[in-house]
N, C-alpha and C. Protein backbone atom coordinates (compact mmCIF):
# COMPACT_ATOMS: atom_id res chain seq x y z
N UNK A 1 8.62 13.97 -1.42
CA UNK A 1 8.01 13.71 -0.14
C UNK A 1 7.84 12.21 0.02
N UNK A 2 7.32 11.77 1.11
CA UNK A 2 7.29 10.33 1.39
C UNK A 2 6.40 9.55 0.43
N UNK A 3 6.87 8.38 0.09
CA UNK A 3 6.04 7.46 -0.69
C UNK A 3 6.18 6.06 -0.11
N UNK A 4 5.05 5.36 -0.11
CA UNK A 4 5.00 3.98 0.35
C UNK A 4 4.54 3.13 -0.83
N UNK A 5 5.32 2.13 -1.18
CA UNK A 5 4.95 1.21 -2.26
C UNK A 5 4.76 -0.17 -1.64
N UNK A 6 3.58 -0.73 -1.85
CA UNK A 6 3.23 -2.00 -1.21
C UNK A 6 3.02 -3.05 -2.28
N UNK A 7 3.80 -4.13 -2.20
CA UNK A 7 3.64 -5.29 -3.08
C UNK A 7 2.93 -6.38 -2.29
N UNK A 8 1.82 -6.86 -2.82
CA UNK A 8 1.00 -7.85 -2.12
C UNK A 8 0.74 -9.09 -2.97
N UNK A 9 0.64 -10.26 -2.32
CA UNK A 9 0.39 -11.50 -3.05
C UNK A 9 -1.11 -11.81 -3.16
N UNK A 10 -1.91 -10.78 -3.40
CA UNK A 10 -3.36 -10.94 -3.46
C UNK A 10 -3.96 -9.82 -4.28
N UNK A 11 -5.27 -9.87 -4.49
CA UNK A 11 -5.99 -8.81 -5.19
C UNK A 11 -6.91 -8.12 -4.20
N UNK A 12 -6.99 -6.80 -4.26
CA UNK A 12 -7.86 -6.01 -3.38
C UNK A 12 -8.86 -5.23 -4.22
N UNK A 13 -10.06 -5.05 -3.69
CA UNK A 13 -11.04 -4.21 -4.40
C UNK A 13 -10.73 -2.74 -4.13
N UNK A 14 -11.35 -1.87 -4.89
CA UNK A 14 -11.06 -0.43 -4.82
C UNK A 14 -11.29 0.14 -3.42
N UNK A 15 -12.38 -0.23 -2.77
CA UNK A 15 -12.64 0.31 -1.43
C UNK A 15 -11.58 -0.12 -0.43
N UNK A 16 -11.12 -1.36 -0.53
CA UNK A 16 -10.07 -1.84 0.38
C UNK A 16 -8.76 -1.12 0.10
N UNK A 17 -8.45 -0.90 -1.17
CA UNK A 17 -7.23 -0.14 -1.50
C UNK A 17 -7.30 1.27 -0.94
N UNK A 18 -8.44 1.92 -1.10
CA UNK A 18 -8.61 3.28 -0.60
C UNK A 18 -8.45 3.30 0.92
N UNK A 19 -9.06 2.34 1.61
CA UNK A 19 -8.95 2.25 3.06
C UNK A 19 -7.51 2.01 3.49
N UNK A 20 -6.82 1.08 2.83
CA UNK A 20 -5.43 0.78 3.14
C UNK A 20 -4.57 2.02 2.94
N UNK A 21 -4.73 2.70 1.82
CA UNK A 21 -3.96 3.91 1.54
C UNK A 21 -4.23 4.98 2.60
N UNK A 22 -5.48 5.18 2.96
CA UNK A 22 -5.83 6.18 3.96
C UNK A 22 -5.24 5.88 5.32
N UNK A 23 -5.32 4.62 5.73
CA UNK A 23 -4.77 4.23 7.03
C UNK A 23 -3.25 4.38 7.05
N UNK A 24 -2.60 3.96 5.97
CA UNK A 24 -1.14 4.09 5.92
C UNK A 24 -0.70 5.55 5.88
N UNK A 25 -1.43 6.38 5.14
CA UNK A 25 -1.12 7.81 5.10
C UNK A 25 -1.27 8.45 6.47
N UNK A 26 -2.32 8.06 7.19
CA UNK A 26 -2.54 8.60 8.54
C UNK A 26 -1.45 8.16 9.51
N UNK A 27 -1.09 6.89 9.43
CA UNK A 27 -0.03 6.38 10.30
C UNK A 27 1.28 7.10 10.00
N UNK A 28 1.62 7.23 8.73
CA UNK A 28 2.86 7.91 8.36
C UNK A 28 2.85 9.34 8.89
N UNK A 29 1.75 10.06 8.66
CA UNK A 29 1.67 11.45 9.09
C UNK A 29 1.83 11.58 10.60
N UNK A 30 1.19 10.68 11.35
CA UNK A 30 1.27 10.74 12.80
C UNK A 30 2.68 10.44 13.31
N UNK A 31 3.26 9.35 12.84
CA UNK A 31 4.56 8.92 13.36
C UNK A 31 5.68 9.87 12.91
N UNK A 32 5.62 10.30 11.66
CA UNK A 32 6.70 11.13 11.12
C UNK A 32 6.43 12.63 11.26
N UNK A 33 5.29 13.00 11.84
CA UNK A 33 4.94 14.39 12.12
C UNK A 33 4.92 15.25 10.86
N UNK A 34 4.08 14.82 9.90
CA UNK A 34 3.90 15.58 8.66
C UNK A 34 2.41 15.69 8.33
N UNK A 35 2.10 16.53 7.39
CA UNK A 35 0.72 16.61 6.89
C UNK A 35 0.45 15.39 6.02
N UNK A 36 -0.73 14.76 6.16
CA UNK A 36 -1.02 13.55 5.39
C UNK A 36 -1.07 13.79 3.87
N UNK A 37 -1.31 15.03 3.45
CA UNK A 37 -1.41 15.26 2.01
C UNK A 37 -0.05 15.23 1.30
N UNK A 38 1.03 15.07 2.05
CA UNK A 38 2.35 14.89 1.45
C UNK A 38 2.65 13.43 1.13
N UNK A 39 1.86 12.51 1.68
CA UNK A 39 2.14 11.08 1.57
C UNK A 39 1.48 10.49 0.32
N UNK A 40 2.26 9.72 -0.45
CA UNK A 40 1.75 9.00 -1.61
C UNK A 40 1.87 7.51 -1.33
N UNK A 41 0.77 6.78 -1.58
CA UNK A 41 0.74 5.34 -1.37
C UNK A 41 0.45 4.66 -2.70
N UNK A 42 1.29 3.71 -3.06
CA UNK A 42 1.12 2.93 -4.29
C UNK A 42 0.91 1.48 -3.89
N UNK A 43 -0.22 0.91 -4.32
CA UNK A 43 -0.56 -0.47 -3.94
C UNK A 43 -0.44 -1.35 -5.18
N UNK A 44 0.46 -2.30 -5.11
CA UNK A 44 0.66 -3.26 -6.20
C UNK A 44 0.08 -4.60 -5.74
N UNK A 45 -1.16 -4.84 -6.08
CA UNK A 45 -1.77 -6.12 -5.71
C UNK A 45 -1.50 -7.09 -6.85
N UNK A 46 -0.44 -7.84 -6.68
CA UNK A 46 0.11 -8.68 -7.75
C UNK A 46 -0.58 -10.02 -7.89
N UNK A 47 -1.44 -10.36 -6.94
CA UNK A 47 -2.15 -11.63 -7.00
C UNK A 47 -1.34 -12.78 -6.46
N UNK A 48 -1.99 -13.95 -6.36
CA UNK A 48 -1.31 -15.13 -5.83
C UNK A 48 -0.02 -15.40 -6.61
N UNK A 49 1.04 -15.65 -5.87
CA UNK A 49 2.33 -15.92 -6.49
C UNK A 49 3.12 -14.69 -6.86
N UNK A 50 2.61 -13.50 -6.50
CA UNK A 50 3.28 -12.26 -6.89
C UNK A 50 4.43 -11.84 -6.01
N UNK A 51 4.43 -12.24 -4.74
CA UNK A 51 5.49 -11.88 -3.80
C UNK A 51 5.76 -13.09 -2.91
N UNK A 52 7.04 -13.40 -2.71
CA UNK A 52 7.41 -14.59 -1.95
C UNK A 52 8.46 -14.27 -0.90
N UNK A 53 8.39 -14.94 0.25
CA UNK A 53 9.44 -14.89 1.27
C UNK A 53 10.17 -16.22 1.20
N UNK A 54 11.46 -16.16 0.96
CA UNK A 54 12.27 -17.36 0.86
C UNK A 54 12.85 -17.71 2.24
N UNK A 55 13.05 -18.99 2.46
CA UNK A 55 13.60 -19.43 3.74
C UNK A 55 14.15 -20.83 3.61
N UNK A 56 14.28 -21.51 4.73
CA UNK A 56 14.82 -22.87 4.73
C UNK A 56 13.91 -23.85 4.01
N UNK A 57 12.59 -23.64 4.11
CA UNK A 57 11.63 -24.51 3.46
C UNK A 57 11.17 -23.92 2.13
N UNK A 58 9.95 -24.22 1.78
CA UNK A 58 9.37 -23.69 0.55
C UNK A 58 9.08 -22.19 0.71
N UNK A 59 9.22 -21.41 -0.34
CA UNK A 59 8.85 -20.00 -0.26
C UNK A 59 7.38 -19.85 0.13
N UNK A 60 7.09 -18.76 0.89
CA UNK A 60 5.72 -18.48 1.33
C UNK A 60 5.27 -17.15 0.75
N UNK A 61 3.96 -17.01 0.45
CA UNK A 61 3.44 -15.72 0.00
C UNK A 61 3.72 -14.66 1.07
N UNK A 62 4.17 -13.49 0.64
CA UNK A 62 4.56 -12.44 1.58
C UNK A 62 4.19 -11.07 1.04
N UNK A 63 4.42 -10.04 1.84
CA UNK A 63 4.19 -8.67 1.42
C UNK A 63 5.44 -7.84 1.66
N UNK A 64 5.63 -6.82 0.83
CA UNK A 64 6.80 -5.95 0.93
C UNK A 64 6.35 -4.50 0.84
N UNK A 65 6.82 -3.68 1.78
CA UNK A 65 6.53 -2.26 1.76
C UNK A 65 7.85 -1.51 1.64
N UNK A 66 7.96 -0.70 0.60
CA UNK A 66 9.14 0.14 0.39
C UNK A 66 8.77 1.57 0.78
N UNK A 67 9.53 2.15 1.70
CA UNK A 67 9.28 3.51 2.18
C UNK A 67 10.40 4.42 1.70
N UNK A 68 10.08 5.35 0.84
CA UNK A 68 11.04 6.37 0.43
C UNK A 68 10.77 7.60 1.27
N UNK A 69 11.75 7.96 2.11
CA UNK A 69 11.59 9.04 3.06
C UNK A 69 12.80 9.97 3.00
N UNK A 70 12.63 11.16 3.57
CA UNK A 70 13.78 12.05 3.68
C UNK A 70 14.69 11.56 4.79
N UNK A 71 15.95 11.70 4.58
CA UNK A 71 16.96 11.25 5.53
C UNK A 71 16.90 12.06 6.82
N UNK A 72 17.30 11.41 7.91
CA UNK A 72 17.47 12.12 9.16
C UNK A 72 16.65 11.62 10.32
N UNK A 73 15.56 10.89 10.06
CA UNK A 73 14.74 10.41 11.17
C UNK A 73 15.52 9.36 11.97
N UNK A 74 15.40 9.38 13.28
CA UNK A 74 16.08 8.38 14.11
C UNK A 74 15.56 6.97 13.79
N UNK A 75 16.42 5.97 14.01
CA UNK A 75 16.03 4.59 13.77
C UNK A 75 14.80 4.21 14.58
N UNK A 76 14.68 4.70 15.80
CA UNK A 76 13.53 4.37 16.64
C UNK A 76 12.22 4.87 16.02
N UNK A 77 12.25 6.02 15.39
CA UNK A 77 11.06 6.56 14.73
C UNK A 77 10.70 5.70 13.53
N UNK A 78 11.72 5.33 12.74
CA UNK A 78 11.45 4.47 11.58
C UNK A 78 10.96 3.09 12.02
N UNK A 79 11.47 2.59 13.14
CA UNK A 79 11.00 1.30 13.65
C UNK A 79 9.53 1.38 14.07
N UNK A 80 9.16 2.46 14.74
CA UNK A 80 7.76 2.65 15.12
C UNK A 80 6.88 2.69 13.88
N UNK A 81 7.32 3.43 12.87
CA UNK A 81 6.55 3.49 11.63
C UNK A 81 6.42 2.10 11.00
N UNK A 82 7.53 1.36 10.93
CA UNK A 82 7.50 0.03 10.33
C UNK A 82 6.52 -0.88 11.07
N UNK A 83 6.56 -0.87 12.38
CA UNK A 83 5.65 -1.71 13.18
C UNK A 83 4.19 -1.35 12.90
N UNK A 84 3.90 -0.06 12.83
CA UNK A 84 2.52 0.38 12.58
C UNK A 84 2.07 0.02 11.16
N UNK A 85 2.98 0.14 10.19
CA UNK A 85 2.66 -0.25 8.81
C UNK A 85 2.33 -1.73 8.75
N UNK A 86 3.15 -2.55 9.41
CA UNK A 86 2.92 -4.00 9.43
C UNK A 86 1.55 -4.31 10.04
N UNK A 87 1.23 -3.64 11.15
CA UNK A 87 -0.07 -3.87 11.80
C UNK A 87 -1.23 -3.56 10.85
N UNK A 88 -1.16 -2.43 10.17
CA UNK A 88 -2.23 -2.04 9.24
C UNK A 88 -2.33 -3.03 8.10
N UNK A 89 -1.21 -3.37 7.48
CA UNK A 89 -1.23 -4.29 6.34
C UNK A 89 -1.75 -5.67 6.74
N UNK A 90 -1.35 -6.15 7.91
CA UNK A 90 -1.82 -7.45 8.38
C UNK A 90 -3.33 -7.43 8.60
N UNK A 91 -3.81 -6.38 9.24
CA UNK A 91 -5.24 -6.28 9.55
C UNK A 91 -6.09 -6.12 8.28
N UNK A 92 -5.69 -5.21 7.41
CA UNK A 92 -6.50 -4.92 6.22
C UNK A 92 -6.41 -6.03 5.18
N UNK A 93 -5.21 -6.60 5.02
CA UNK A 93 -4.98 -7.58 3.94
C UNK A 93 -5.07 -9.03 4.41
N UNK A 94 -5.13 -9.25 5.71
CA UNK A 94 -5.23 -10.61 6.21
C UNK A 94 -3.94 -11.39 6.10
N UNK A 95 -2.80 -10.70 6.06
CA UNK A 95 -1.50 -11.36 5.97
C UNK A 95 -0.91 -11.54 7.37
N UNK A 96 -0.11 -12.57 7.53
CA UNK A 96 0.59 -12.75 8.80
C UNK A 96 1.69 -11.69 8.92
N UNK A 97 1.79 -11.10 10.11
CA UNK A 97 2.80 -10.07 10.32
C UNK A 97 4.20 -10.57 10.00
N UNK A 98 4.51 -11.82 10.33
CA UNK A 98 5.85 -12.35 10.11
C UNK A 98 6.20 -12.43 8.63
N UNK A 99 5.20 -12.36 7.77
CA UNK A 99 5.44 -12.45 6.33
C UNK A 99 5.42 -11.08 5.64
N UNK A 100 5.45 -10.03 6.44
CA UNK A 100 5.53 -8.68 5.89
C UNK A 100 6.91 -8.11 6.18
N UNK A 101 7.41 -7.31 5.26
CA UNK A 101 8.73 -6.69 5.41
C UNK A 101 8.62 -5.23 5.01
N UNK A 102 9.29 -4.36 5.76
CA UNK A 102 9.32 -2.93 5.47
C UNK A 102 10.77 -2.52 5.26
N UNK A 103 11.05 -1.87 4.14
CA UNK A 103 12.39 -1.37 3.85
C UNK A 103 12.34 0.14 3.66
N UNK A 104 13.37 0.81 4.13
CA UNK A 104 13.47 2.26 3.99
C UNK A 104 14.59 2.64 3.04
N UNK A 105 14.32 3.60 2.20
CA UNK A 105 15.33 4.27 1.40
C UNK A 105 15.25 5.74 1.78
N UNK A 106 16.38 6.30 2.22
CA UNK A 106 16.38 7.68 2.69
C UNK A 106 17.01 8.59 1.65
N UNK A 107 16.39 9.75 1.49
CA UNK A 107 16.82 10.72 0.47
C UNK A 107 17.01 12.10 1.09
N UNK A 108 17.87 12.89 0.48
CA UNK A 108 17.92 14.30 0.84
C UNK A 108 16.71 14.98 0.19
N UNK A 109 16.36 16.14 0.68
CA UNK A 109 15.17 16.84 0.16
C UNK A 109 15.23 17.10 -1.33
N UNK A 110 16.43 17.35 -1.87
CA UNK A 110 16.53 17.68 -3.29
C UNK A 110 16.41 16.45 -4.19
N UNK A 111 16.08 15.30 -3.61
CA UNK A 111 15.80 14.10 -4.41
C UNK A 111 14.30 13.81 -4.47
N UNK A 112 13.50 14.73 -3.92
CA UNK A 112 12.05 14.56 -3.91
C UNK A 112 11.40 15.84 -4.41
N UNK A 113 10.95 15.82 -5.64
CA UNK A 113 10.30 16.98 -6.24
C UNK A 113 8.80 16.88 -6.00
N UNK A 114 8.22 17.94 -5.48
CA UNK A 114 6.81 17.93 -5.13
C UNK A 114 6.17 19.24 -5.57
N UNK A 115 5.39 19.24 -6.66
CA UNK A 115 4.77 20.47 -7.12
C UNK A 115 3.94 21.18 -6.05
N UNK A 116 3.33 20.42 -5.14
CA UNK A 116 2.54 21.00 -4.07
C UNK A 116 3.36 21.94 -3.20
N UNK A 117 4.67 21.67 -3.11
CA UNK A 117 5.56 22.53 -2.33
C UNK A 117 6.25 23.59 -3.18
N UNK A 118 6.02 23.52 -4.48
CA UNK A 118 6.66 24.46 -5.37
C UNK A 118 8.05 24.05 -5.81
N UNK A 119 8.39 22.78 -5.66
CA UNK A 119 9.70 22.29 -6.09
C UNK A 119 10.22 21.19 -5.20
N UNK A 120 11.52 21.23 -4.97
CA UNK A 120 12.14 20.20 -4.15
C UNK A 120 11.71 20.36 -2.68
N UNK A 121 11.70 19.24 -1.99
CA UNK A 121 11.37 19.25 -0.56
C UNK A 121 12.55 19.82 0.22
N UNK A 122 12.26 20.47 1.33
CA UNK A 122 13.37 20.89 2.19
C UNK A 122 13.95 19.66 2.89
N UNK A 123 15.19 19.73 3.29
CA UNK A 123 15.76 18.64 4.09
C UNK A 123 15.02 18.58 5.41
N UNK A 124 14.96 17.36 5.97
CA UNK A 124 14.28 17.19 7.26
C UNK A 124 15.15 17.75 8.36
N UNK A 125 14.50 18.44 9.30
CA UNK A 125 15.21 19.05 10.42
C UNK A 125 14.51 18.61 11.70
N UNK A 126 15.24 18.06 12.68
CA UNK A 126 14.60 17.65 13.92
C UNK A 126 13.86 18.82 14.56
N UNK A 127 12.65 18.53 15.04
CA UNK A 127 11.88 19.54 15.74
C UNK A 127 11.16 20.52 14.85
N UNK A 128 11.29 20.39 13.52
CA UNK A 128 10.62 21.33 12.63
C UNK A 128 9.11 21.11 12.63
N UNK A 129 8.68 19.89 12.91
CA UNK A 129 7.27 19.61 13.09
C UNK A 129 6.45 19.60 11.83
N UNK A 130 5.18 19.85 12.00
CA UNK A 130 4.14 19.74 10.97
C UNK A 130 4.55 20.43 9.68
N UNK A 131 4.30 19.75 8.59
CA UNK A 131 4.52 20.32 7.28
C UNK A 131 5.88 20.03 6.69
N UNK A 132 6.79 19.48 7.46
CA UNK A 132 8.13 19.21 6.96
C UNK A 132 8.18 18.08 5.95
N UNK A 133 7.26 17.15 5.99
CA UNK A 133 7.22 16.07 5.02
C UNK A 133 8.11 14.92 5.24
């Protein structure tokens, strides 16, 4: 099922991590039309110097979100999700939106084993709605 891995150039306290995870899980569930209990969020608060955005000048501290999702969602849906993830991360972590990046890796259902579902996830089907993951 879906997982979000967030690499951050700062340290967060437990309550902030819990809040960030909850907000991202809710956003994912809403945009991708799934139950929030299917979403796993991993927060890697690597501290200053842990994540960098390279460019023409000196590298800048940045954030990276990796989204492992089931294949099939339209690009527009993934773009909406990415925008909402960036908004949440910027607000909660105090990072500039331009320094956040979201990447998607898409998988077939049989590449995501979830004991809660009793095994592999079903493939995503348009219009299947709630519970599809």
